[in-house]
Amino acid sequence: MFFGILISKIAQIGPNVSISTNAHIGAGAWLINYIILDDVGIKFSTCLWNCSLILLFGWKSSIGRWSRVQAEGDHKAKLGVTILGEVVNVEDEVVVINCIALPNKTLNVSVQQEIIL
């Protein structure tokens, strides 16, 4: 459990990033156009970005080292968004692009254009 927001001095945050309470952002993390909700842990050297579409990282979730989570495309794309629900854990070195993961999932392989039930 985190208490307050803890952001490494060498993390790159913004533009268009909203971070809720009890978040932990590791060294070398890069966040662009992102919404981070309560109790989220982001480890070092993680890339979270998109190309003008929404990304939402859910409550009590975590993303591993050297992982990348992004959304790309336009409004006509099949998904074009990435939303990770509550208690979703992305393990180290996993790439997630244009996916929706429902709550209580662990992503240990890279996925693209998927809805993870």
N, C-alpha and C. Protein backbone atom coordinates (compact mmCIF):
# COMPACT_ATOMS: atom_id res chain seq x y z
N MET A 1 0.84 -1.18 0.00
CA MET A 1 0.00 0.00 0.00
C MET A 1 0.88 1.23 0.00
N PHE A 2 0.62 2.13 -0.93
CA PHE A 2 1.35 3.38 -1.01
C PHE A 2 0.63 4.45 -0.20
N PHE A 3 1.38 5.41 0.28
CA PHE A 3 0.78 6.53 1.00
C PHE A 3 1.26 7.81 0.34
N GLY A 4 0.42 8.44 -0.45
CA GLY A 4 0.79 9.63 -1.19
C GLY A 4 1.37 9.26 -2.54
N ILE A 5 1.64 10.27 -3.34
CA ILE A 5 2.20 10.06 -4.68
C ILE A 5 3.72 10.08 -4.59
N LEU A 6 4.36 9.08 -5.14
CA LEU A 6 5.82 9.00 -5.16
C LEU A 6 6.25 8.91 -6.61
N ILE A 7 6.91 9.96 -7.10
CA ILE A 7 7.36 10.02 -8.49
C ILE A 7 8.87 10.23 -8.50
N SER A 8 9.58 9.37 -9.21
CA SER A 8 11.03 9.49 -9.33
C SER A 8 11.39 10.82 -9.99
N LYS A 9 12.52 11.39 -9.58
CA LYS A 9 12.97 12.66 -10.15
C LYS A 9 13.33 12.54 -11.62
N ILE A 10 13.67 11.34 -12.08
CA ILE A 10 14.05 11.21 -13.49
C ILE A 10 12.95 10.58 -14.35
N ALA A 11 11.75 10.50 -13.83
CA ALA A 11 10.61 10.06 -14.66
C ALA A 11 10.17 11.24 -15.52
N GLN A 12 9.70 10.94 -16.73
CA GLN A 12 9.20 11.98 -17.63
C GLN A 12 7.68 11.90 -17.65
N ILE A 13 7.04 12.95 -17.15
CA ILE A 13 5.59 12.98 -17.02
C ILE A 13 5.02 14.10 -17.89
N GLY A 14 4.08 13.76 -18.76
CA GLY A 14 3.36 14.75 -19.54
C GLY A 14 3.83 14.83 -20.97
N PRO A 15 3.01 15.48 -21.77
CA PRO A 15 1.83 16.28 -21.39
C PRO A 15 0.59 15.40 -21.16
N ASN A 16 -0.45 16.04 -20.65
CA ASN A 16 -1.78 15.44 -20.48
C ASN A 16 -1.78 14.17 -19.63
N VAL A 17 -1.21 14.24 -18.44
CA VAL A 17 -1.18 13.10 -17.53
C VAL A 17 -1.89 13.49 -16.24
N SER A 18 -2.78 12.61 -15.79
CA SER A 18 -3.47 12.80 -14.52
C SER A 18 -3.10 11.62 -13.61
N ILE A 19 -2.58 11.95 -12.41
CA ILE A 19 -2.15 10.91 -11.48
C ILE A 19 -2.95 11.05 -10.19
N SER A 20 -3.62 9.99 -9.80
CA SER A 20 -4.43 9.99 -8.58
C SER A 20 -3.56 9.69 -7.36
N THR A 21 -4.19 9.50 -6.23
CA THR A 21 -3.46 9.30 -4.98
C THR A 21 -2.81 7.93 -4.91
N ASN A 22 -1.80 7.84 -4.08
CA ASN A 22 -1.11 6.59 -3.77
C ASN A 22 -0.47 5.92 -4.98
N ALA A 23 -0.02 6.70 -5.95
CA ALA A 23 0.67 6.16 -7.12
C ALA A 23 2.17 6.16 -6.88
N HIS A 24 2.86 5.20 -7.47
CA HIS A 24 4.30 5.11 -7.39
C HIS A 24 4.85 5.00 -8.81
N ILE A 25 5.61 6.00 -9.24
CA ILE A 25 6.16 6.06 -10.60
C ILE A 25 7.68 5.88 -10.49
N GLY A 26 8.22 4.84 -11.10
CA GLY A 26 9.64 4.53 -10.99
C GLY A 26 10.54 5.37 -11.87
N ALA A 27 11.84 5.28 -11.61
CA ALA A 27 12.86 6.02 -12.36
C ALA A 27 12.84 5.63 -13.84
N GLY A 28 12.95 6.60 -14.70
CA GLY A 28 13.00 6.36 -16.13
C GLY A 28 11.66 6.08 -16.79
N ALA A 29 10.56 6.10 -16.01
CA ALA A 29 9.23 5.90 -16.60
C ALA A 29 8.89 7.10 -17.46
N TRP A 30 8.13 6.86 -18.53
CA TRP A 30 7.76 7.91 -19.46
C TRP A 30 6.26 7.82 -19.67
N LEU A 31 5.52 8.86 -19.26
CA LEU A 31 4.06 8.87 -19.36
C LEU A 31 3.60 10.05 -20.20
N ILE A 32 2.78 9.77 -21.21
CA ILE A 32 2.20 10.80 -22.07
C ILE A 32 0.73 10.46 -22.29
N ASN A 33 -0.15 11.45 -22.16
CA ASN A 33 -1.59 11.29 -22.40
C ASN A 33 -2.16 10.10 -21.63
N TYR A 34 -2.06 10.13 -20.33
CA TYR A 34 -2.41 8.98 -19.52
C TYR A 34 -3.22 9.38 -18.30
N ILE A 35 -4.08 8.48 -17.83
CA ILE A 35 -4.82 8.64 -16.58
C ILE A 35 -4.39 7.50 -15.67
N ILE A 36 -3.81 7.83 -14.54
CA ILE A 36 -3.35 6.84 -13.57
C ILE A 36 -4.26 6.93 -12.35
N LEU A 37 -4.92 5.84 -11.98
CA LEU A 37 -5.85 5.85 -10.86
C LEU A 37 -5.17 5.42 -9.56
N ASP A 38 -5.93 5.30 -8.47
CA ASP A 38 -5.40 5.02 -7.13
C ASP A 38 -4.59 3.72 -7.05
N ASP A 39 -3.56 3.77 -6.20
CA ASP A 39 -2.78 2.58 -5.83
C ASP A 39 -2.13 1.88 -7.02
N VAL A 40 -1.60 2.63 -7.96
CA VAL A 40 -0.95 2.07 -9.15
C VAL A 40 0.55 2.13 -8.96
N GLY A 41 1.24 1.04 -9.30
CA GLY A 41 2.69 1.01 -9.26
C GLY A 41 3.26 0.84 -10.65
N ILE A 42 4.14 1.76 -11.04
CA ILE A 42 4.78 1.71 -12.36
C ILE A 42 6.28 1.61 -12.11
N LYS A 43 6.89 0.52 -12.53
CA LYS A 43 8.31 0.29 -12.26
C LYS A 43 9.19 1.08 -13.21
N PHE A 44 10.51 0.98 -13.00
CA PHE A 44 11.44 1.82 -13.77
C PHE A 44 11.51 1.44 -15.25
N SER A 45 11.88 2.44 -16.05
CA SER A 45 12.07 2.30 -17.50
C SER A 45 10.84 1.74 -18.20
N THR A 46 9.68 2.21 -17.81
CA THR A 46 8.42 1.81 -18.41
C THR A 46 7.92 2.93 -19.31
N CYS A 47 7.35 2.57 -20.45
CA CYS A 47 6.85 3.55 -21.40
C CYS A 47 5.34 3.44 -21.49
N LEU A 48 4.63 4.48 -21.13
CA LEU A 48 3.17 4.52 -21.21
C LEU A 48 2.80 5.73 -22.07
N TRP A 49 2.37 5.49 -23.29
CA TRP A 49 2.05 6.63 -24.14
C TRP A 49 1.05 6.24 -25.21
N ASN A 50 0.55 7.25 -25.87
CA ASN A 50 -0.38 6.98 -26.97
C ASN A 50 -0.26 8.05 -28.03
N CYS A 51 -1.04 7.90 -29.03
CA CYS A 51 -1.07 8.87 -30.13
C CYS A 51 -2.45 9.52 -30.13
N SER A 52 -2.71 10.36 -29.18
CA SER A 52 -3.91 11.20 -29.06
C SER A 52 -5.18 10.46 -28.65
N LEU A 53 -5.08 9.22 -28.17
CA LEU A 53 -6.26 8.51 -27.71
C LEU A 53 -6.11 8.18 -26.23
N ILE A 54 -7.19 7.79 -25.61
CA ILE A 54 -7.17 7.63 -24.15
C ILE A 54 -6.53 6.32 -23.70
N LEU A 55 -5.76 6.42 -22.64
CA LEU A 55 -5.25 5.25 -21.95
C LEU A 55 -5.63 5.40 -20.50
N LEU A 56 -6.11 4.36 -19.92
CA LEU A 56 -6.55 4.39 -18.53
C LEU A 56 -5.94 3.20 -17.81
N PHE A 57 -5.25 3.48 -16.73
CA PHE A 57 -4.60 2.44 -15.96
C PHE A 57 -5.31 2.34 -14.64
N GLY A 58 -5.97 1.20 -14.37
CA GLY A 58 -6.92 1.04 -13.28
C GLY A 58 -6.34 0.96 -11.88
N TRP A 59 -7.24 1.00 -10.93
CA TRP A 59 -6.93 0.96 -9.51
C TRP A 59 -6.14 -0.28 -9.15
N LYS A 60 -5.19 -0.11 -8.23
CA LYS A 60 -4.44 -1.21 -7.64
C LYS A 60 -3.75 -2.09 -8.68
N SER A 61 -3.33 -1.50 -9.78
CA SER A 61 -2.67 -2.23 -10.85
C SER A 61 -1.17 -1.95 -10.82
N SER A 62 -0.42 -2.74 -11.57
CA SER A 62 1.02 -2.50 -11.66
C SER A 62 1.52 -2.84 -13.05
N ILE A 63 2.59 -2.18 -13.42
CA ILE A 63 3.22 -2.47 -14.71
C ILE A 63 4.71 -2.69 -14.47
N GLY A 64 5.23 -3.76 -15.07
CA GLY A 64 6.60 -4.19 -14.81
C GLY A 64 7.66 -3.37 -15.52
N ARG A 65 8.91 -3.71 -15.21
CA ARG A 65 10.07 -3.04 -15.78
C ARG A 65 10.15 -3.28 -17.28
N TRP A 66 10.56 -2.25 -18.00
CA TRP A 66 10.79 -2.30 -19.44
C TRP A 66 9.54 -2.71 -20.23
N SER A 67 8.38 -2.45 -19.68
CA SER A 67 7.12 -2.74 -20.38
C SER A 67 6.65 -1.50 -21.12
N ARG A 68 5.79 -1.71 -22.08
CA ARG A 68 5.22 -0.58 -22.84
C ARG A 68 3.72 -0.81 -22.98
N VAL A 69 2.95 0.23 -22.64
CA VAL A 69 1.50 0.19 -22.78
C VAL A 69 1.11 1.40 -23.59
N GLN A 70 0.41 1.20 -24.72
CA GLN A 70 0.07 2.34 -25.56
C GLN A 70 -1.21 2.08 -26.33
N ALA A 71 -1.77 3.17 -26.86
CA ALA A 71 -2.89 3.11 -27.79
C ALA A 71 -2.47 3.89 -29.02
N GLU A 72 -2.90 3.44 -30.16
CA GLU A 72 -2.57 4.16 -31.38
C GLU A 72 -3.70 3.98 -32.37
N GLY A 73 -3.75 4.85 -33.32
CA GLY A 73 -4.81 4.78 -34.33
C GLY A 73 -5.65 6.04 -34.32
N ASP A 74 -6.82 5.95 -34.92
CA ASP A 74 -7.74 7.09 -34.93
C ASP A 74 -9.11 6.60 -34.52
N HIS A 75 -10.11 7.47 -34.62
CA HIS A 75 -11.45 7.11 -34.17
C HIS A 75 -12.07 5.98 -34.98
N LYS A 76 -11.52 5.65 -36.14
CA LYS A 76 -12.05 4.57 -36.96
C LYS A 76 -11.36 3.23 -36.68
N ALA A 77 -10.36 3.23 -35.82
CA ALA A 77 -9.61 2.01 -35.53
C ALA A 77 -10.49 0.99 -34.81
N LYS A 78 -10.12 -0.27 -34.93
CA LYS A 78 -10.88 -1.35 -34.30
C LYS A 78 -11.04 -1.10 -32.79
N LEU A 79 -9.95 -0.88 -32.09
CA LEU A 79 -10.02 -0.51 -30.68
C LEU A 79 -9.50 0.91 -30.50
N GLY A 80 -8.21 1.13 -30.73
CA GLY A 80 -7.65 2.47 -30.64
C GLY A 80 -7.56 3.03 -29.23
N VAL A 81 -7.85 2.23 -28.22
CA VAL A 81 -7.71 2.65 -26.83
C VAL A 81 -7.05 1.51 -26.06
N THR A 82 -6.46 1.85 -24.93
CA THR A 82 -5.99 0.83 -24.01
C THR A 82 -6.55 1.16 -22.65
N ILE A 83 -7.26 0.21 -22.08
CA ILE A 83 -7.85 0.37 -20.76
C ILE A 83 -7.50 -0.88 -19.95
N LEU A 84 -6.84 -0.68 -18.83
CA LEU A 84 -6.52 -1.79 -17.94
C LEU A 84 -7.36 -1.63 -16.69
N GLY A 85 -8.17 -2.63 -16.39
CA GLY A 85 -9.09 -2.56 -15.26
C GLY A 85 -8.40 -2.68 -13.92
N GLU A 86 -9.21 -2.79 -12.89
CA GLU A 86 -8.72 -2.88 -11.52
C GLU A 86 -7.92 -4.16 -11.30
N VAL A 87 -6.81 -4.04 -10.59
CA VAL A 87 -5.92 -5.16 -10.24
C VAL A 87 -5.45 -5.92 -11.49
N VAL A 88 -5.01 -5.18 -12.50
CA VAL A 88 -4.39 -5.78 -13.68
C VAL A 88 -2.89 -5.61 -13.52
N ASN A 89 -2.15 -6.69 -13.67
CA ASN A 89 -0.70 -6.66 -13.53
C ASN A 89 -0.05 -6.98 -14.86
N VAL A 90 0.73 -6.04 -15.37
CA VAL A 90 1.51 -6.24 -16.59
C VAL A 90 2.91 -6.60 -16.13
N GLU A 91 3.38 -7.77 -16.48
CA GLU A 91 4.69 -8.23 -16.02
C GLU A 91 5.81 -7.55 -16.80
N ASP A 92 7.05 -7.81 -16.39
CA ASP A 92 8.23 -7.21 -17.00
C ASP A 92 8.32 -7.53 -18.49
N GLU A 93 8.77 -6.53 -19.27
CA GLU A 93 9.06 -6.67 -20.69
C GLU A 93 7.87 -7.11 -21.53
N VAL A 94 6.67 -6.66 -21.18
CA VAL A 94 5.45 -6.98 -21.93
C VAL A 94 4.98 -5.73 -22.65
N VAL A 95 4.55 -5.89 -23.91
CA VAL A 95 4.02 -4.78 -24.71
C VAL A 95 2.51 -4.97 -24.86
N VAL A 96 1.75 -3.92 -24.53
CA VAL A 96 0.29 -3.95 -24.64
C VAL A 96 -0.13 -2.78 -25.52
N ILE A 97 -0.74 -3.08 -26.68
CA ILE A 97 -1.13 -2.03 -27.63
C ILE A 97 -2.60 -2.22 -27.98
N ASN A 98 -3.39 -1.16 -27.82
CA ASN A 98 -4.81 -1.15 -28.20
C ASN A 98 -5.57 -2.33 -27.59
N CYS A 99 -5.51 -2.47 -26.29
CA CYS A 99 -6.18 -3.59 -25.62
C CYS A 99 -7.06 -3.11 -24.48
N ILE A 100 -8.03 -3.92 -24.16
CA ILE A 100 -8.86 -3.72 -22.98
C ILE A 100 -8.72 -4.98 -22.13
N ALA A 101 -8.27 -4.80 -20.89
CA ALA A 101 -8.13 -5.93 -19.97
C ALA A 101 -9.11 -5.75 -18.83
N LEU A 102 -9.96 -6.73 -18.64
CA LEU A 102 -10.92 -6.69 -17.55
C LEU A 102 -10.20 -6.90 -16.22
N PRO A 103 -10.85 -6.61 -15.10
CA PRO A 103 -10.20 -6.68 -13.79
C PRO A 103 -9.63 -8.06 -13.44
N ASN A 104 -8.64 -8.02 -12.53
CA ASN A 104 -8.01 -9.22 -11.97
C ASN A 104 -7.32 -10.10 -13.01
N LYS A 105 -6.55 -9.47 -13.88
CA LYS A 105 -5.81 -10.21 -14.91
C LYS A 105 -4.31 -9.97 -14.73
N THR A 106 -3.52 -10.93 -15.17
CA THR A 106 -2.07 -10.79 -15.25
C THR A 106 -1.68 -10.97 -16.70
N LEU A 107 -1.00 -9.98 -17.25
CA LEU A 107 -0.55 -10.04 -18.64
C LEU A 107 0.93 -10.39 -18.63
N ASN A 108 1.26 -11.60 -19.06
CA ASN A 108 2.65 -12.03 -19.06
C ASN A 108 3.20 -12.27 -20.46
N VAL A 109 2.39 -12.00 -21.48
CA VAL A 109 2.83 -12.02 -22.88
C VAL A 109 2.35 -10.75 -23.56
N SER A 110 3.03 -10.34 -24.60
CA SER A 110 2.65 -9.14 -25.32
C SER A 110 1.34 -9.36 -26.07
N VAL A 111 0.48 -8.33 -26.10
CA VAL A 111 -0.81 -8.43 -26.78
C VAL A 111 -1.08 -7.16 -27.56
N GLN A 112 -1.84 -7.31 -28.65
CA GLN A 112 -2.20 -6.18 -29.49
C GLN A 112 -3.61 -6.40 -30.04
N GLN A 113 -4.45 -5.35 -30.02
CA GLN A 113 -5.80 -5.40 -30.55
C GLN A 113 -6.62 -6.54 -29.92
N GLU A 114 -6.58 -6.66 -28.59
CA GLU A 114 -7.28 -7.75 -27.90
C GLU A 114 -8.19 -7.21 -26.80
N ILE A 115 -9.24 -7.94 -26.53
CA ILE A 115 -10.05 -7.72 -25.33
C ILE A 115 -9.81 -8.94 -24.46
N ILE A 116 -9.19 -8.72 -23.30
CA ILE A 116 -8.81 -9.82 -22.42
C ILE A 116 -9.88 -10.00 -21.37
N LEU A 117 -10.61 -11.12 -21.48
CA LEU A 117 -11.73 -11.37 -20.58
C LEU A 117 -11.22 -12.00 -19.33
